[in-house]
Amino acid sequence: MAVRVLPLRGLANLRTLAGLADRQPQSYKAYLRVSFLELERARHGQEIVTVHHRLAFLVARCREIDAEKAAILAGSSAAPGSSQSSEAAPTGRPGQSANRGFRLAC
């Protein structure tokens, strides 16, 4: 009877299922990705709503400021844009105005 010699087997010859998981699309990964995208979209939607509220508040405050400024200017004798003669001829040191105290000279 002849002796049968088997070929040597090594680590490269082992059959495993290690690579099969990457080849097949896994549905739970797709659903997880979709849910992450939905959460991100919901978060951005909430940020947009918050920004709209903040913008409306800022616009309303600017209108209040304009109204208060107009009321102050209407009550005073100075019209907007007019220059007074005391500001045209400063006296004293270069950084100081005659009526308003210390001013930075630019």
N, C-alpha and C. Protein backbone atom coordinates (compact mmCIF):
# COMPACT_ATOMS: atom_id res chain seq x y z
N MET A 1 0.82 -1.16 0.00
CA MET A 1 0.00 0.00 0.00
C MET A 1 0.88 1.25 0.00
N ALA A 2 0.51 2.22 -0.83
CA ALA A 2 1.32 3.42 -0.96
C ALA A 2 0.90 4.43 0.09
N VAL A 3 1.89 5.10 0.56
CA VAL A 3 1.63 6.14 1.56
C VAL A 3 1.20 7.41 0.84
N ARG A 4 0.10 7.93 1.30
CA ARG A 4 -0.44 9.15 0.67
C ARG A 4 0.06 10.36 1.43
N VAL A 5 0.72 11.25 0.72
CA VAL A 5 1.28 12.45 1.35
C VAL A 5 0.31 13.60 1.11
N LEU A 6 -0.15 14.20 2.21
CA LEU A 6 -1.06 15.34 2.13
C LEU A 6 -0.25 16.63 2.04
N PRO A 7 -0.75 17.58 1.28
CA PRO A 7 -0.02 18.86 1.23
C PRO A 7 -0.12 19.58 2.57
N LEU A 8 0.90 20.30 2.88
CA LEU A 8 0.91 21.04 4.14
C LEU A 8 -0.09 22.18 4.08
N ARG A 9 -0.81 22.35 5.16
CA ARG A 9 -1.77 23.44 5.24
C ARG A 9 -1.29 24.45 6.27
N GLY A 10 -1.51 25.71 5.94
CA GLY A 10 -1.11 26.77 6.86
C GLY A 10 -2.28 27.70 7.16
N LEU A 11 -1.96 28.84 7.68
CA LEU A 11 -2.98 29.81 8.05
C LEU A 11 -3.72 30.34 6.83
N ALA A 12 -3.07 30.41 5.70
CA ALA A 12 -3.69 30.92 4.48
C ALA A 12 -4.75 29.96 3.94
N ASN A 13 -4.71 28.71 4.35
CA ASN A 13 -5.65 27.72 3.83
C ASN A 13 -6.91 27.59 4.68
N LEU A 14 -6.98 28.25 5.81
CA LEU A 14 -8.16 28.16 6.66
C LEU A 14 -9.32 28.93 6.02
N ARG A 15 -10.48 28.31 6.04
CA ARG A 15 -11.66 28.97 5.50
C ARG A 15 -12.45 29.59 6.65
N THR A 16 -12.70 30.89 6.54
CA THR A 16 -13.46 31.59 7.58
C THR A 16 -14.57 32.39 6.93
N LEU A 17 -15.43 32.95 7.76
CA LEU A 17 -16.53 33.80 7.30
C LEU A 17 -16.25 35.27 7.57
N ALA A 18 -15.00 35.61 7.80
CA ALA A 18 -14.64 36.96 8.21
C ALA A 18 -14.96 38.00 7.15
N GLY A 19 -14.78 37.71 5.89
CA GLY A 19 -14.98 38.70 4.84
C GLY A 19 -16.41 38.80 4.34
N LEU A 20 -17.25 37.86 4.71
CA LEU A 20 -18.61 37.85 4.19
C LEU A 20 -19.46 39.00 4.73
N ALA A 21 -19.21 39.43 5.93
CA ALA A 21 -20.04 40.48 6.54
C ALA A 21 -19.87 41.81 5.80
N ASP A 22 -18.70 42.09 5.27
CA ASP A 22 -18.47 43.36 4.58
C ASP A 22 -19.05 43.36 3.17
N ARG A 23 -19.22 42.22 2.58
CA ARG A 23 -19.71 42.15 1.21
C ARG A 23 -21.21 42.37 1.11
N GLN A 24 -21.94 41.99 2.13
CA GLN A 24 -23.39 42.09 2.10
C GLN A 24 -23.84 43.39 2.75
N PRO A 25 -24.74 44.10 2.11
CA PRO A 25 -25.25 45.33 2.75
C PRO A 25 -26.11 44.95 3.96
N GLN A 26 -25.84 45.59 5.07
CA GLN A 26 -26.58 45.28 6.29
C GLN A 26 -27.64 46.34 6.49
N SER A 27 -28.86 45.89 6.61
CA SER A 27 -29.99 46.81 6.65
C SER A 27 -29.98 47.68 7.91
N TYR A 28 -29.52 47.14 9.04
CA TYR A 28 -29.54 47.94 10.26
C TYR A 28 -28.59 49.13 10.17
N LYS A 29 -27.50 49.01 9.41
CA LYS A 29 -26.58 50.14 9.23
C LYS A 29 -27.26 51.24 8.41
N ALA A 30 -28.02 50.85 7.41
CA ALA A 30 -28.72 51.84 6.59
C ALA A 30 -29.78 52.55 7.42
N TYR A 31 -30.55 51.81 8.20
CA TYR A 31 -31.58 52.43 9.04
C TYR A 31 -30.96 53.33 10.11
N LEU A 32 -29.83 52.93 10.65
CA LEU A 32 -29.14 53.75 11.64
C LEU A 32 -28.65 55.05 11.02
N ARG A 33 -28.11 54.97 9.82
CA ARG A 33 -27.64 56.18 9.12
C ARG A 33 -28.81 57.11 8.82
N VAL A 34 -29.93 56.55 8.38
CA VAL A 34 -31.12 57.37 8.09
C VAL A 34 -31.62 58.04 9.37
N SER A 35 -31.60 57.33 10.47
CA SER A 35 -32.07 57.93 11.73
C SER A 35 -31.13 59.04 12.19
N PHE A 36 -29.82 58.87 12.00
CA PHE A 36 -28.88 59.94 12.34
C PHE A 36 -29.14 61.18 11.49
N LEU A 37 -29.41 60.97 10.21
CA LEU A 37 -29.69 62.10 9.33
C LEU A 37 -30.98 62.81 9.73
N GLU A 38 -31.99 62.05 10.13
CA GLU A 38 -33.25 62.65 10.59
C GLU A 38 -33.05 63.46 11.86
N LEU A 39 -32.24 62.95 12.78
CA LEU A 39 -31.96 63.70 14.01
C LEU A 39 -31.21 64.99 13.71
N GLU A 40 -30.26 64.93 12.79
CA GLU A 40 -29.51 66.13 12.43
C GLU A 40 -30.43 67.16 11.78
N ARG A 41 -31.34 66.69 10.93
CA ARG A 41 -32.29 67.59 10.28
C ARG A 41 -33.22 68.23 11.31
N ALA A 42 -33.67 67.47 12.28
CA ALA A 42 -34.54 68.02 13.33
C ALA A 42 -33.80 69.07 14.15
N ARG A 43 -32.53 68.81 14.46
CA ARG A 43 -31.73 69.76 15.22
C ARG A 43 -31.54 71.06 14.44
N HIS A 44 -31.25 70.95 13.14
CA HIS A 44 -31.08 72.15 12.32
C HIS A 44 -32.40 72.91 12.18
N GLY A 45 -33.51 72.19 12.09
CA GLY A 45 -34.81 72.85 12.04
C GLY A 45 -35.09 73.65 13.30
N GLN A 46 -34.74 73.10 14.46
CA GLN A 46 -34.92 73.83 15.71
C GLN A 46 -34.01 75.05 15.77
N GLU A 47 -32.80 74.94 15.26
CA GLU A 47 -31.89 76.09 15.21
C GLU A 47 -32.46 77.19 14.32
N ILE A 48 -33.07 76.81 13.20
CA ILE A 48 -33.66 77.80 12.29
C ILE A 48 -34.79 78.54 12.98
N VAL A 49 -35.65 77.81 13.70
CA VAL A 49 -36.75 78.45 14.43
C VAL A 49 -36.21 79.42 15.47
N THR A 50 -35.17 79.02 16.20
CA THR A 50 -34.57 79.87 17.21
C THR A 50 -33.98 81.14 16.58
N VAL A 51 -33.32 80.99 15.44
CA VAL A 51 -32.72 82.14 14.76
C VAL A 51 -33.81 83.09 14.27
N HIS A 52 -34.94 82.56 13.79
CA HIS A 52 -36.04 83.42 13.35
C HIS A 52 -36.59 84.24 14.53
N HIS A 53 -36.74 83.59 15.70
CA HIS A 53 -37.23 84.31 16.88
C HIS A 53 -36.23 85.39 17.31
N ARG A 54 -34.95 85.04 17.29
CA ARG A 54 -33.91 86.00 17.69
C ARG A 54 -33.86 87.17 16.71
N LEU A 55 -33.98 86.90 15.42
CA LEU A 55 -33.97 87.96 14.41
C LEU A 55 -35.17 88.88 14.57
N ALA A 56 -36.34 88.32 14.84
CA ALA A 56 -37.53 89.14 15.05
C ALA A 56 -37.35 90.04 16.26
N PHE A 57 -36.75 89.50 17.34
CA PHE A 57 -36.49 90.31 18.53
C PHE A 57 -35.53 91.45 18.21
N LEU A 58 -34.47 91.16 17.46
CA LEU A 58 -33.48 92.20 17.14
C LEU A 58 -34.07 93.29 16.24
N VAL A 59 -34.89 92.91 15.28
CA VAL A 59 -35.52 93.89 14.40
C VAL A 59 -36.47 94.78 15.20
N ALA A 60 -37.24 94.17 16.10
CA ALA A 60 -38.16 94.95 16.94
C ALA A 60 -37.38 95.92 17.84
N ARG A 61 -36.27 95.46 18.38
CA ARG A 61 -35.46 96.34 19.24
C ARG A 61 -34.87 97.49 18.44
N CYS A 62 -34.43 97.24 17.21
CA CYS A 62 -33.90 98.32 16.37
C CYS A 62 -34.99 99.36 16.07
N ARG A 63 -36.21 98.90 15.86
CA ARG A 63 -37.31 99.85 15.64
C ARG A 63 -37.59 100.67 16.90
N GLU A 64 -37.52 100.04 18.07
CA GLU A 64 -37.70 100.77 19.32
C GLU A 64 -36.60 101.81 19.50
N ILE A 65 -35.38 101.45 19.17
CA ILE A 65 -34.25 102.38 19.28
C ILE A 65 -34.46 103.57 18.35
N ASP A 66 -34.87 103.30 17.12
CA ASP A 66 -35.12 104.39 16.17
C ASP A 66 -36.23 105.31 16.65
N ALA A 67 -37.30 104.74 17.21
CA ALA A 67 -38.41 105.55 17.71
C ALA A 67 -37.96 106.40 18.89
N GLU A 68 -37.20 105.81 19.80
CA GLU A 68 -36.73 106.57 20.97
C GLU A 68 -35.76 107.66 20.55
N LYS A 69 -34.90 107.37 19.59
CA LYS A 69 -33.95 108.37 19.08
C LYS A 69 -34.71 109.52 18.42
N ALA A 70 -35.74 109.21 17.63
CA ALA A 70 -36.53 110.26 16.99
C ALA A 70 -37.26 111.11 18.02
N ALA A 71 -37.77 110.49 19.09
CA ALA A 71 -38.45 111.24 20.14
C ALA A 71 -37.49 112.17 20.86
N ILE A 72 -36.29 111.70 21.12
CA ILE A 72 -35.28 112.53 21.80
C ILE A 72 -34.87 113.69 20.91
N LEU A 73 -34.62 113.42 19.64
CA LEU A 73 -34.21 114.48 18.73
C LEU A 73 -35.34 115.47 18.48
N ALA A 74 -36.58 115.02 18.47
CA ALA A 74 -37.71 115.93 18.28
C ALA A 74 -37.90 116.82 19.49
N GLY A 75 -37.59 116.32 20.67
CA GLY A 75 -37.74 117.11 21.89
C GLY A 75 -36.61 118.10 22.10
N SER A 76 -35.47 117.87 21.50
CA SER A 76 -34.35 118.78 21.69
C SER A 76 -34.32 119.81 20.56
N SER A 77 -33.53 120.85 20.73
CA SER A 77 -33.45 121.88 19.70
C SER A 77 -32.50 121.51 18.58
N ALA A 78 -31.65 120.50 18.80
CA ALA A 78 -30.66 120.11 17.78
C ALA A 78 -31.32 119.18 16.77
N ALA A 79 -31.17 119.53 15.53
CA ALA A 79 -31.67 118.68 14.45
C ALA A 79 -30.58 117.69 14.08
N PRO A 80 -30.92 116.50 13.60
CA PRO A 80 -29.87 115.55 13.22
C PRO A 80 -29.07 116.06 12.03
N GLY A 81 -27.76 115.92 12.15
CA GLY A 81 -26.90 116.32 11.05
C GLY A 81 -26.41 117.76 11.13
N SER A 82 -26.98 118.57 12.01
CA SER A 82 -26.52 119.96 12.10
C SER A 82 -25.34 120.03 13.05
N SER A 83 -24.38 120.90 12.73
CA SER A 83 -23.22 121.05 13.59
C SER A 83 -23.31 122.36 14.35
N GLN A 84 -22.88 122.31 15.59
CA GLN A 84 -22.92 123.53 16.41
C GLN A 84 -21.61 124.28 16.24
N SER A 85 -21.66 125.58 16.44
CA SER A 85 -20.46 126.39 16.24
C SER A 85 -19.41 126.13 17.30
N SER A 86 -19.80 125.68 18.50
CA SER A 86 -18.82 125.43 19.55
C SER A 86 -17.97 124.21 19.24
N GLU A 87 -18.49 123.26 18.45
CA GLU A 87 -17.70 122.10 18.09
C GLU A 87 -16.72 122.43 16.97
N ALA A 88 -17.00 123.47 16.21
CA ALA A 88 -16.14 123.82 15.09
C ALA A 88 -14.84 124.46 15.56
N ALA A 89 -14.84 125.18 16.68
CA ALA A 89 -13.64 125.85 17.17
C ALA A 89 -13.29 125.32 18.55
N PRO A 90 -12.55 124.20 18.64
CA PRO A 90 -12.18 123.68 19.95
C PRO A 90 -11.13 124.56 20.61
N THR A 91 -11.20 124.64 21.92
CA THR A 91 -10.23 125.42 22.67
C THR A 91 -9.54 124.51 23.66
N GLY A 92 -8.39 124.92 24.15
CA GLY A 92 -7.67 124.13 25.14
C GLY A 92 -6.76 123.13 24.47
N ARG A 93 -6.57 122.01 25.12
CA ARG A 93 -5.69 120.96 24.60
C ARG A 93 -6.27 120.32 23.35
N PRO A 94 -5.44 119.65 22.53
CA PRO A 94 -5.92 119.10 21.26
C PRO A 94 -6.98 118.02 21.42
N GLY A 95 -6.97 117.25 22.48
CA GLY A 95 -7.93 116.17 22.64
C GLY A 95 -9.16 116.58 23.41
N GLN A 96 -9.38 117.85 23.68
CA GLN A 96 -10.48 118.29 24.53
C GLN A 96 -11.40 119.22 23.76
N SER A 97 -12.70 119.02 23.90
CA SER A 97 -13.68 119.88 23.27
C SER A 97 -14.12 120.93 24.30
N ALA A 98 -14.65 122.06 23.83
CA ALA A 98 -15.00 123.16 24.72
C ALA A 98 -16.15 122.80 25.66
N ASN A 99 -17.18 122.07 25.16
CA ASN A 99 -18.37 121.83 25.97
C ASN A 99 -18.50 120.39 26.48
N ARG A 100 -17.82 119.45 25.86
CA ARG A 100 -18.13 118.06 26.15
C ARG A 100 -17.05 117.35 26.93
N GLY A 101 -16.05 117.96 27.40
CA GLY A 101 -15.01 117.26 28.16
C GLY A 101 -14.01 116.60 27.25
N PHE A 102 -13.40 115.54 27.70
CA PHE A 102 -12.31 114.90 26.98
C PHE A 102 -12.81 114.08 25.80
N ARG A 103 -12.17 114.27 24.64
CA ARG A 103 -12.46 113.51 23.43
C ARG A 103 -11.16 113.04 22.81
N LEU A 104 -11.14 111.87 22.26
CA LEU A 104 -9.94 111.39 21.58
C LEU A 104 -9.83 112.03 20.21
N ALA A 105 -8.65 112.54 19.90
CA ALA A 105 -8.44 113.16 18.59
C ALA A 105 -7.90 112.08 17.65
N CYS A 106 -8.53 111.90 16.52
CA CYS A 106 -8.09 110.88 15.57
C CYS A 106 -7.40 111.52 14.39
